[in-house]
PDB file of all heavy atoms in Angstrom:
ATOM      1  N   LEU A   1      93.299 119.515 112.405  1.00  0.00           N
ATOM      2  CA  LEU A   1      94.534 119.695 113.160  1.00  0.00           C
ATOM      3  C   LEU A   1      94.890 118.445 113.960  1.00  0.00           C
ATOM      4  O   LEU A   1      94.051 117.893 114.671  1.00  0.00           O
ATOM      5  CB  LEU A   1      94.402 120.873 114.126  1.00  0.00           C
ATOM      6  CG  LEU A   1      95.578 121.106 115.085  1.00  0.00           C
ATOM      7  CD1 LEU A   1      96.824 121.536 114.325  1.00  0.00           C
ATOM      8  CD2 LEU A   1      95.215 122.134 116.156  1.00  0.00           C
ATOM      9  N   TYR A   2      96.149 118.010 113.818  1.00  0.00           N
ATOM     10  CA  TYR A   2      96.733 117.069 114.776  1.00  0.00           C
ATOM     11  C   TYR A   2      97.810 117.819 115.525  1.00  0.00           C
ATOM     12  O   TYR A   2      98.740 118.353 114.927  1.00  0.00           O
ATOM     13  CB  TYR A   2      97.355 115.850 114.079  1.00  0.00           C
ATOM     14  CG  TYR A   2      98.109 114.975 115.080  1.00  0.00           C
ATOM     15  CD1 TYR A   2      97.459 113.950 115.747  1.00  0.00           C
ATOM     16  CD2 TYR A   2      99.447 115.216 115.394  1.00  0.00           C
ATOM     17  CE1 TYR A   2      98.120 113.177 116.696  1.00  0.00           C
ATOM     18  CE2 TYR A   2     100.120 114.456 116.340  1.00  0.00           C
ATOM     19  CZ  TYR A   2      99.452 113.442 116.990  1.00  0.00           C
ATOM     20  OH  TYR A   2     100.109 112.688 117.932  1.00  0.00           O
ATOM     21  N   GLN A   3      97.717 117.861 116.865  1.00  0.00           N
ATOM     22  CA  GLN A   3      98.777 118.463 117.666  1.00  0.00           C
ATOM     23  C   GLN A   3      99.303 117.427 118.647  1.00  0.00           C
ATOM     24  O   GLN A   3      98.565 116.590 119.151  1.00  0.00           O
ATOM     25  CB  GLN A   3      98.275 119.691 118.408  1.00  0.00           C
ATOM     26  CG  GLN A   3      97.229 119.425 119.472  1.00  0.00           C
ATOM     27  CD  GLN A   3      97.000 120.639 120.360  1.00  0.00           C
ATOM     28  OE1 GLN A   3      96.413 121.630 119.935  1.00  0.00           O
ATOM     29  NE2 GLN A   3      97.454 120.562 121.595  1.00  0.00           N
ATOM     30  N   GLY A   4     100.605 117.479 118.883  1.00  0.00           N
ATOM     31  CA  GLY A   4     101.215 116.543 119.820  1.00  0.00           C
ATOM     32  C   GLY A   4     102.355 115.777 119.182  1.00  0.00           C
ATOM     33  O   GLY A   4     102.795 116.083 118.066  1.00  0.00           O
ATOM     34  N   ALA A   5     102.839 114.770 119.899  1.00  0.00           N
ATOM     35  CA  ALA A   5     103.983 113.991 119.432  1.00  0.00           C
ATOM     36  C   ALA A   5     103.632 113.193 118.179  1.00  0.00           C
ATOM     37  O   ALA A   5     102.591 112.537 118.119  1.00  0.00           O
ATOM     38  CB  ALA A   5     104.452 113.044 120.537  1.00  0.00           C
ATOM     39  N   VAL A   6     104.505 113.259 117.181  1.00  0.00           N
ATOM     40  CA  VAL A   6     104.346 112.454 115.963  1.00  0.00           C
ATOM     41  C   VAL A   6     105.093 111.147 116.221  1.00  0.00           C
ATOM     42  O   VAL A   6     106.207 110.934 115.738  1.00  0.00           O
ATOM     43  CB  VAL A   6     104.888 113.195 114.728  1.00  0.00           C
ATOM     44  CG1 VAL A   6     104.645 112.387 113.457  1.00  0.00           C
ATOM     45  CG2 VAL A   6     104.231 114.572 114.615  1.00  0.00           C
ATOM     46  N   ASN A   7     104.463 110.274 116.998  1.00  0.00           N
ATOM     47  CA  ASN A   7     105.105 109.042 117.454  1.00  0.00           C
ATOM     48  C   ASN A   7     104.409 107.804 116.919  1.00  0.00           C
ATOM     49  O   ASN A   7     103.303 107.878 116.368  1.00  0.00           O
ATOM     50  CB  ASN A   7     105.103 108.984 118.993  1.00  0.00           C
ATOM     51  CG  ASN A   7     106.164 109.874 119.614  1.00  0.00           C
ATOM     52  OD1 ASN A   7     107.044 110.381 118.914  1.00  0.00           O
ATOM     53  ND2 ASN A   7     106.089 110.075 120.911  1.00  0.00           N
ATOM     54  N   GLU A   8     105.061 106.670 117.103  1.00  0.00           N
ATOM     55  CA  GLU A   8     104.436 105.399 116.778  1.00  0.00           C
ATOM     56  C   GLU A   8     103.145 105.256 117.564  1.00  0.00           C
ATOM     57  O   GLU A   8     103.028 105.740 118.688  1.00  0.00           O
ATOM     58  CB  GLU A   8     105.373 104.241 117.142  1.00  0.00           C
ATOM     59  CG  GLU A   8     106.639 104.166 116.311  1.00  0.00           C
ATOM     60  CD  GLU A   8     107.467 102.945 116.672  1.00  0.00           C
ATOM     61  OE1 GLU A   8     106.874 101.897 116.993  1.00  0.00           O
ATOM     62  OE2 GLU A   8     108.698 103.039 116.658  1.00  0.00           O
ATOM     63  N   GLY A   9     102.179 104.572 116.949  1.00  0.00           N
ATOM     64  CA  GLY A   9     100.925 104.294 117.645  1.00  0.00           C
ATOM     65  C   GLY A   9      99.902 105.405 117.588  1.00  0.00           C
ATOM     66  O   GLY A   9      98.848 105.305 118.218  1.00  0.00           O
ATOM     67  N   ARG A  10     100.183 106.482 116.824  1.00  0.00           N
ATOM     68  CA  ARG A  10      99.237 107.607 116.755  1.00  0.00           C
ATOM     69  C   ARG A  10      98.374 107.565 115.489  1.00  0.00           C
ATOM     70  O   ARG A  10      97.785 108.567 115.100  1.00  0.00           O
ATOM     71  CB  ARG A  10      99.991 108.937 116.839  1.00  0.00           C
ATOM     72  CG  ARG A  10     100.904 109.060 118.065  1.00  0.00           C
ATOM     73  CD  ARG A  10     100.160 108.937 119.376  1.00  0.00           C
ATOM     74  NE  ARG A  10     101.052 108.821 120.515  1.00  0.00           N
ATOM     75  CZ  ARG A  10     101.499 109.844 121.235  1.00  0.00           C
ATOM     76  NH1 ARG A  10     101.149 111.063 120.913  1.00  0.00           N
ATOM     77  NH2 ARG A  10     102.291 109.641 122.273  1.00  0.00           N
ATOM     78  N   CYS A  11      98.335 106.421 114.830  1.00  0.00           N
ATOM     79  CA  CYS A  11      97.419 106.158 113.707  1.00  0.00           C
ATOM     80  C   CYS A  11      97.742 106.934 112.426  1.00  0.00           C
ATOM     81  O   CYS A  11      96.880 107.091 111.558  1.00  0.00           O
ATOM     82  CB  CYS A  11      95.965 106.433 114.096  1.00  0.00           C
ATOM     83  SG  CYS A  11      95.331 105.313 115.356  1.00  0.00           S
ATOM     84  N   PHE A  12      98.979 107.390 112.277  1.00  0.00           N
ATOM     85  CA  PHE A  12      99.329 108.068 111.031  1.00  0.00           C
ATOM     86  C   PHE A  12      99.289 107.117 109.840  1.00  0.00           C
ATOM     87  O   PHE A  12      99.057 107.546 108.705  1.00  0.00           O
ATOM     88  CB  PHE A  12     100.711 108.713 111.147  1.00  0.00           C
ATOM     89  CG  PHE A  12     100.730 109.938 112.015  1.00  0.00           C
ATOM     90  CD1 PHE A  12     101.223 109.888 113.306  1.00  0.00           C
ATOM     91  CD2 PHE A  12     100.219 111.136 111.552  1.00  0.00           C
ATOM     92  CE1 PHE A  12     101.223 111.008 114.118  1.00  0.00           C
ATOM     93  CE2 PHE A  12     100.211 112.274 112.352  1.00  0.00           C
ATOM     94  CZ  PHE A  12     100.713 112.201 113.642  1.00  0.00           C
ATOM     95  N   GLU A  13      99.501 105.829 110.092  1.00  0.00           N
ATOM     96  CA  GLU A  13      99.461 104.838 109.002  1.00  0.00           C
ATOM     97  C   GLU A  13      98.093 104.757 108.350  1.00  0.00           C
ATOM     98  O   GLU A  13      97.969 104.364 107.190  1.00  0.00           O
ATOM     99  CB  GLU A  13      99.859 103.453 109.513  1.00  0.00           C
ATOM    100  CG  GLU A  13     101.268 103.358 110.076  1.00  0.00           C
ATOM    101  CD  GLU A  13     101.298 103.527 111.590  1.00  0.00           C
ATOM    102  OE1 GLU A  13     100.495 104.331 112.113  1.00  0.00           O
ATOM    103  OE2 GLU A  13     102.133 102.870 112.240  1.00  0.00           O
ATOM    104  N   THR A  14      97.036 105.116 109.079  1.00  0.00           N
ATOM    105  CA  THR A  14      95.685 105.101 108.509  1.00  0.00           C
ATOM    106  C   THR A  14      95.122 106.508 108.320  1.00  0.00           C
ATOM    107  O   THR A  14      94.318 106.742 107.412  1.00  0.00           O
ATOM    108  CB  THR A  14      94.728 104.284 109.400  1.00  0.00           C
ATOM    109  OG1 THR A  14      94.833 104.745 110.760  1.00  0.00           O
ATOM    110  CG2 THR A  14      95.071 102.810 109.357  1.00  0.00           C
ATOM    111  N   LEU A  15      95.551 107.456 109.147  1.00  0.00           N
ATOM    112  CA  LEU A  15      95.064 108.832 109.006  1.00  0.00           C
ATOM    113  C   LEU A  15      95.532 109.455 107.700  1.00  0.00           C
ATOM    114  O   LEU A  15      94.731 110.082 106.978  1.00  0.00           O
ATOM    115  CB  LEU A  15      95.552 109.670 110.193  1.00  0.00           C
ATOM    116  CG  LEU A  15      95.287 111.180 110.116  1.00  0.00           C
ATOM    117  CD1 LEU A  15      93.800 111.474 110.037  1.00  0.00           C
ATOM    118  CD2 LEU A  15      95.923 111.904 111.311  1.00  0.00           C
ATOM    119  N   ILE A  16      96.796 109.302 107.376  1.00  0.00           N
ATOM    120  CA  ILE A  16      97.317 109.935 106.157  1.00  0.00           C
ATOM    121  C   ILE A  16      96.669 109.359 104.896  1.00  0.00           C
ATOM    122  O   ILE A  16      96.218 110.132 104.032  1.00  0.00           O
ATOM    123  CB  ILE A  16      98.856 109.841 106.122  1.00  0.00           C
ATOM    124  CG1 ILE A  16      99.444 110.765 107.207  1.00  0.00           C
ATOM    125  CG2 ILE A  16      99.400 110.216 104.746  1.00  0.00           C
ATOM    126  CD1 ILE A  16     100.932 110.635 107.421  1.00  0.00           C
ATOM    127  N   PRO A  17      96.552 108.030 104.736  1.00  0.00           N
ATOM    128  CA  PRO A  17      95.814 107.521 103.566  1.00  0.00           C
ATOM    129  C   PRO A  17      94.354 107.969 103.535  1.00  0.00           C
ATOM    130  O   PRO A  17      93.779 108.158 102.451  1.00  0.00           O
ATOM    131  CB  PRO A  17      95.910 106.001 103.736  1.00  0.00           C
ATOM    132  CG  PRO A  17      97.134 105.779 104.544  1.00  0.00           C
ATOM    133  CD  PRO A  17      97.195 106.949 105.487  1.00  0.00           C
ATOM    134  N   ALA A  18      93.739 108.163 104.702  1.00  0.00           N
ATOM    135  CA  ALA A  18      92.343 108.616 104.747  1.00  0.00           C
ATOM    136  C   ALA A  18      92.169 109.979 104.103  1.00  0.00           C
ATOM    137  O   ALA A  18      91.092 110.292 103.569  1.00  0.00           O
ATOM    138  CB  ALA A  18      91.865 108.667 106.198  1.00  0.00           C
ATOM    139  N   MET A  19      93.217 110.802 104.118  1.00  0.00           N
ATOM    140  CA  MET A  19      93.108 112.152 103.573  1.00  0.00           C
ATOM    141  C   MET A  19      92.865 112.158 102.071  1.00  0.00           C
ATOM    142  O   MET A  19      92.434 113.182 101.521  1.00  0.00           O
ATOM    143  CB  MET A  19      94.363 112.952 103.921  1.00  0.00           C
ATOM    144  CG  MET A  19      94.538 113.243 105.406  1.00  0.00           C
ATOM    145  SD  MET A  19      93.091 114.010 106.188  1.00  0.00           S
ATOM    146  CE  MET A  19      92.958 115.523 105.254  1.00  0.00           C
ATOM    147  N   LYS A  20      93.114 111.035 101.409  1.00  0.00           N
ATOM    148  CA  LYS A  20      92.818 110.955  99.971  1.00  0.00           C
ATOM    149  C   LYS A  20      91.324 111.150  99.710  1.00  0.00           C
ATOM    150  O   LYS A  20      90.926 111.640  98.640  1.00  0.00           O
ATOM    151  CB  LYS A  20      93.263 109.587  99.418  1.00  0.00           C
ATOM    152  CG  LYS A  20      94.764 109.395  99.389  1.00  0.00           C
ATOM    153  CD  LYS A  20      95.167 108.114  98.676  1.00  0.00           C
ATOM    154  CE  LYS A  20      94.777 106.888  99.494  1.00  0.00           C
ATOM    155  NZ  LYS A  20      95.315 105.635  98.888  1.00  0.00           N
ATOM    156  N   ASP A  21      90.486 110.775 100.688  1.00  0.00           N
ATOM    157  CA  ASP A  21      89.035 110.837 100.518  1.00  0.00           C
ATOM    158  C   ASP A  21      88.388 111.941 101.335  1.00  0.00           C
ATOM    159  O   ASP A  21      87.165 111.940 101.537  1.00  0.00           O
ATOM    160  CB  ASP A  21      88.416 109.484 100.905  1.00  0.00           C
ATOM    161  CG  ASP A  21      88.936 108.338 100.042  1.00  0.00           C
ATOM    162  OD1 ASP A  21      88.990 108.523  98.808  1.00  0.00           O
ATOM    163  OD2 ASP A  21      89.292 107.284 100.601  1.00  0.00           O
ATOM    164  N   VAL A  22      89.192 112.868 101.832  1.00  0.00           N
ATOM    165  CA  VAL A  22      88.663 113.981 102.622  1.00  0.00           C
ATOM    166  C   VAL A  22      89.059 115.288 101.939  1.00  0.00           C
ATOM    167  O   VAL A  22      90.239 115.540 101.699  1.00  0.00           O
ATOM    168  CB  VAL A  22      89.230 113.952 104.065  1.00  0.00           C
ATOM    169  CG1 VAL A  22      88.698 115.134 104.865  1.00  0.00           C
ATOM    170  CG2 VAL A  22      88.876 112.641 104.756  1.00  0.00           C
ATOM    171  N   ASP A  23      88.071 116.112 101.635  1.00  0.00           N
ATOM    172  CA  ASP A  23      88.324 117.374 100.931  1.00  0.00           C
ATOM    173  C   ASP A  23      88.669 118.456 101.950  1.00  0.00           C
ATOM    174  O   ASP A  23      87.890 119.381 102.210  1.00  0.00           O
ATOM    175  CB  ASP A  23      87.089 117.777 100.116  1.00  0.00           C
ATOM    176  CG  ASP A  23      87.373 118.993  99.236  1.00  0.00           C
ATOM    177  OD1 ASP A  23      88.569 119.294  99.007  1.00  0.00           O
ATOM    178  OD2 ASP A  23      86.402 119.650  98.797  1.00  0.00           O
ATOM    179  N   CYS A  24      89.856 118.339 102.535  1.00  0.00           N
ATOM    180  CA  CYS A  24      90.285 119.273 103.571  1.00  0.00           C
ATOM    181  C   CYS A  24      91.787 119.101 103.772  1.00  0.00           C
ATOM    182  O   CYS A  24      92.374 118.091 103.365  1.00  0.00           O
ATOM    183  CB  CYS A  24      89.533 118.983 104.874  1.00  0.00           C
ATOM    184  SG  CYS A  24      89.533 120.342 106.066  1.00  0.00           S
ATOM    185  N   THR A  25      92.409 120.068 104.421  1.00  0.00           N
ATOM    186  CA  THR A  25      93.841 120.017 104.718  1.00  0.00           C
ATOM    187  C   THR A  25      94.061 119.509 106.131  1.00  0.00           C
ATOM    188  O   THR A  25      93.319 119.877 107.053  1.00  0.00           O
ATOM    189  CB  THR A  25      94.468 121.413 104.571  1.00  0.00           C
ATOM    190  OG1 THR A  25      94.259 121.880 103.239  1.00  0.00           O
ATOM    191  CG2 THR A  25      95.964 121.378 104.863  1.00  0.00           C
ATOM    192  N   LEU A  26      95.077 118.686 106.312  1.00  0.00           N
ATOM    193  CA  LEU A  26      95.495 118.223 107.634  1.00  0.00           C
ATOM    194  C   LEU A  26      96.777 118.958 108.013  1.00  0.00           C
ATOM    195  O   LEU A  26      97.784 118.885 107.300  1.00  0.00           O
ATOM    196  CB  LEU A  26      95.747 116.714 107.624  1.00  0.00           C
ATOM    197  CG  LEU A  26      96.409 116.122 108.878  1.00  0.00           C
ATOM    198  CD1 LEU A  26      95.493 116.252 110.089  1.00  0.00           C
ATOM    199  CD2 LEU A  26      96.785 114.645 108.646  1.00  0.00           C
ATOM    200  N   VAL A  27      96.756 119.663 109.134  1.00  0.00           N
ATOM    201  CA  VAL A  27      97.926 120.366 109.648  1.00  0.00           C
ATOM    202  C   VAL A  27      98.451 119.592 110.854  1.00  0.00           C
ATOM    203  O   VAL A  27      97.697 119.307 111.794  1.00  0.00           O
ATOM    204  CB  VAL A  27      97.584 121.813 110.056  1.00  0.00           C
ATOM    205  CG1 VAL A  27      98.790 122.491 110.699  1.00  0.00           C
ATOM    206  CG2 VAL A  27      97.114 122.598 108.831  1.00  0.00           C
ATOM    207  N   VAL A  28      99.741 119.240 110.834  1.00  0.00           N
ATOM    208  CA  VAL A  28     100.360 118.466 111.909  1.00  0.00           C
ATOM    209  C   VAL A  28     101.349 119.355 112.649  1.00  0.00           C
ATOM    210  O   VAL A  28     102.347 119.806 112.081  1.00  0.00           O
ATOM    211  CB  VAL A  28     101.079 117.214 111.352  1.00  0.00           C
ATOM    212  CG1 VAL A  28     101.742 116.435 112.482  1.00  0.00           C
ATOM    213  CG2 VAL A  28     100.092 116.330 110.592  1.00  0.00           C
ATOM    214  N   CYS A  29     101.060 119.612 113.925  1.00  0.00           N
ATOM    215  CA  CYS A  29     101.941 120.432 114.762  1.00  0.00           C
ATOM    216  C   CYS A  29     102.603 119.531 115.805  1.00  0.00           C
ATOM    217  O   CYS A  29     101.938 119.095 116.758  1.00  0.00           O
ATOM    218  CB  CYS A  29     101.160 121.539 115.455  1.00  0.00           C
ATOM    219  SG  CYS A  29     100.507 122.784 114.336  1.00  0.00           S
ATOM    220  N   GLY A  30     103.865 119.258 115.637  1.00  0.00           N
ATOM    221  CA  GLY A  30     104.587 118.391 116.561  1.00  0.00           C
ATOM    222  C   GLY A  30     105.707 117.667 115.844  1.00  0.00           C
ATOM    223  O   GLY A  30     105.880 117.781 114.622  1.00  0.00           O
ATOM    224  N   ASP A  31     106.471 116.914 116.613  1.00  0.00           N
ATOM    225  CA  ASP A  31     107.581 116.129 116.080  1.00  0.00           C
ATOM    226  C   ASP A  31     107.684 114.860 116.903  1.00  0.00           C
ATOM    227  O   ASP A  31     107.069 114.736 117.957  1.00  0.00           O
ATOM    228  CB  ASP A  31     108.881 116.941 116.156  1.00  0.00           C
ATOM    229  CG  ASP A  31     109.941 116.439 115.187  1.00  0.00           C
ATOM    230  OD1 ASP A  31     109.727 115.372 114.569  1.00  0.00           O
ATOM    231  OD2 ASP A  31     110.987 117.105 115.065  1.00  0.00           O
ATOM    232  N   GLY A  32     108.451 113.897 116.418  1.00  0.00           N
ATOM    233  CA  GLY A  32     108.590 112.664 117.180  1.00  0.00           C
ATOM    234  C   GLY A  32     109.252 111.564 116.390  1.00  0.00           C
ATOM    235  O   GLY A  32     109.764 111.780 115.277  1.00  0.00           O
ATOM    236  N   ASN A  33     109.207 110.343 116.941  1.00  0.00           N
ATOM    237  CA  ASN A  33     109.947 109.233 116.363  1.00  0.00           C
ATOM    238  C   ASN A  33     109.320 108.651 115.100  1.00  0.00           C
ATOM    239  O   ASN A  33     109.891 107.745 114.488  1.00  0.00           O
ATOM    240  CB  ASN A  33     110.161 108.128 117.416  1.00  0.00           C
ATOM    241  CG  ASN A  33     108.843 107.597 117.985  1.00  0.00           C
ATOM    242  OD1 ASN A  33     107.829 107.497 117.293  1.00  0.00           O
ATOM    243  ND2 ASN A  33     108.864 107.253 119.261  1.00  0.00           N
ATOM    244  N   PHE A  34     108.130 109.155 114.699  1.00  0.00           N
ATOM    245  CA  PHE A  34     107.481 108.648 113.489  1.00  0.00           C
ATOM    246  C   PHE A  34     107.421 109.709 112.391  1.00  0.00           C
ATOM    247  O   PHE A  34     106.788 109.502 111.368  1.00  0.00           O
ATOM    248  CB  PHE A  34     106.058 108.160 113.825  1.00  0.00           C
ATOM    249  CG  PHE A  34     105.464 107.225 112.805  1.00  0.00           C
ATOM    250  CD1 PHE A  34     105.885 105.909 112.710  1.00  0.00           C
ATOM    251  CD2 PHE A  34     104.470 107.656 111.934  1.00  0.00           C
ATOM    252  CE1 PHE A  34     105.343 105.052 111.759  1.00  0.00           C
ATOM    253  CE2 PHE A  34     103.919 106.801 110.984  1.00  0.00           C
ATOM    254  CZ  PHE A  34     104.364 105.496 110.898  1.00  0.00           C
ATOM    255  N   MET A  35     108.127 110.804 112.570  1.00  0.00           N
ATOM    256  CA  MET A  35     108.015 111.912 111.625  1.00  0.00           C
ATOM    257  C   MET A  35     108.464 111.521 110.216  1.00  0.00           C
ATOM    258  O   MET A  35     107.779 111.820 109.229  1.00  0.00           O
ATOM    259  CB  MET A  35     108.825 113.107 112.120  1.00  0.00           C
ATOM    260  CG  MET A  35     108.820 114.294 111.165  1.00  0.00           C
ATOM    261  SD  MET A  35     107.173 114.958 110.836  1.00  0.00           S
ATOM    262  CE  MET A  35     106.983 116.052 112.236  1.00  0.00           C
ATOM    263  N   GLN A  36     109.615 110.856 110.091  1.00  0.00           N
ATOM    264  CA  GLN A  36     110.107 110.510 108.768  1.00  0.00           C
ATOM    265  C   GLN A  36     109.167 109.536 108.074  1.00  0.00           C
ATOM    266  O   GLN A  36     108.885 109.669 106.875  1.00  0.00           O
ATOM    267  CB  GLN A  36     111.516 109.896 108.866  1.00  0.00           C
ATOM    268  CG  GLN A  36     112.219 109.807 107.518  1.00  0.00           C
ATOM    269  CD  GLN A  36     112.258 111.129 106.766  1.00  0.00           C
ATOM    270  OE1 GLN A  36     112.697 112.151 107.300  1.00  0.00           O
ATOM    271  NE2 GLN A  36     111.768 111.143 105.540  1.00  0.00           N
ATOM    272  N   GLN A  37     108.656 108.546 108.820  1.00  0.00           N
ATOM    273  CA  GLN A  37     107.708 107.598 108.238  1.00  0.00           C
ATOM    274  C   GLN A  37     106.428 108.307 107.811  1.00  0.00           C
ATOM    275  O   GLN A  37     105.841 107.977 106.767  1.00  0.00           O
ATOM    276  CB  GLN A  37     107.378 106.481 109.228  1.00  0.00           C
ATOM    277  CG  GLN A  37     108.558 105.584 109.578  1.00  0.00           C
ATOM    278  CD  GLN A  37     109.278 106.034 110.839  1.00  0.00           C
ATOM    279  OE1 GLN A  37     109.530 107.226 111.041  1.00  0.00           O
ATOM    280  NE2 GLN A  37     109.615 105.081 111.690  1.00  0.00           N
ATOM    281  N   ALA A  38     105.985 109.286 108.601  1.00  0.00           N
ATOM    282  CA  ALA A  38     104.769 110.023 108.268  1.00  0.00           C
ATOM    283  C   ALA A  38     104.950 110.801 106.964  1.00  0.00           C
ATOM    284  O   ALA A  38     104.056 110.825 106.102  1.00  0.00           O
ATOM    285  CB  ALA A  38     104.399 110.969 109.403  1.00  0.00           C
ATOM    286  N   LYS A  39     106.111 111.418 106.800  1.00  0.00           N
ATOM    287  CA  LYS A  39     106.377 112.164 105.567  1.00  0.00           C
ATOM    288  C   LYS A  39     106.449 111.229 104.359  1.00  0.00           C
ATOM    289  O   LYS A  39     105.998 111.582 103.258  1.00  0.00           O
ATOM    290  CB  LYS A  39     107.677 112.952 105.710  1.00  0.00           C
ATOM    291  CG  LYS A  39     107.560 114.119 106.681  1.00  0.00           C
ATOM    292  CD  LYS A  39     108.869 114.893 106.795  1.00  0.00           C
ATOM    293  CE  LYS A  39     108.704 116.111 107.710  1.00  0.00           C
ATOM    294  NZ  LYS A  39     109.954 116.881 107.855  1.00  0.00           N
ATOM    295  N   THR A  40     106.991 110.028 104.588  1.00  0.00           N
ATOM    296  CA  THR A  40     107.032 109.033 103.511  1.00  0.00           C
ATOM    297  C   THR A  40     105.622 108.601 103.131  1.00  0.00           C
ATOM    298  O   THR A  40     105.309 108.444 101.942  1.00  0.00           O
ATOM    299  CB  THR A  40     107.856 107.807 103.957  1.00  0.00           C
ATOM    300  OG1 THR A  40     109.188 108.227 104.260  1.00  0.00           O
ATOM    301  CG2 THR A  40     107.896 106.754 102.859  1.00  0.00           C
ATOM    302  N   LEU A  41     104.749 108.406 104.118  1.00  0.00           N
ATOM    303  CA  LEU A  41     103.360 108.028 103.846  1.00  0.00           C
ATOM    304  C   LEU A  41     102.636 109.100 103.031  1.00  0.00           C
ATOM    305  O   LEU A  41     101.807 108.784 102.166  1.00  0.00           O
ATOM    306  CB  LEU A  41     102.620 107.790 105.164  1.00  0.00           C
ATOM    307  CG  LEU A  41     102.892 106.461 105.875  1.00  0.00           C
ATOM    308  CD1 LEU A  41     102.366 106.504 107.301  1.00  0.00           C
ATOM    309  CD2 LEU A  41     102.238 105.306 105.109  1.00  0.00           C
ATOM    310  N   VAL A  42     102.937 110.356 103.286  1.00  0.00           N
ATOM    311  CA  VAL A  42     102.328 111.449 102.529  1.00  0.00           C
ATOM    312  C   VAL A  42     102.703 111.344 101.058  1.00  0.00           C
ATOM    313  O   VAL A  42     101.849 111.487 100.163  1.00  0.00           O
ATOM    314  CB  VAL A  42     102.765 112.814 103.114  1.00  0.00           C
ATOM    315  CG1 VAL A  42     102.396 113.946 102.156  1.00  0.00           C
ATOM    316  CG2 VAL A  42     102.122 113.032 104.469  1.00  0.00           C
TER     317      VAL A  42
END
C-alpha cells in the first residue's frame, strides 16, 4: 500500500518499475500532481 499525495518526489519513478520484479500488487490511495505521470509509468 502507498497512501498519501501522489506528488513529485515520492519515488514513483523507481517504485513503479520495481514492481516488475515483485510478485505482489501495489495499491495507491491518493491523488496529486504526479498522478498522470504515474499512470504513464505503469
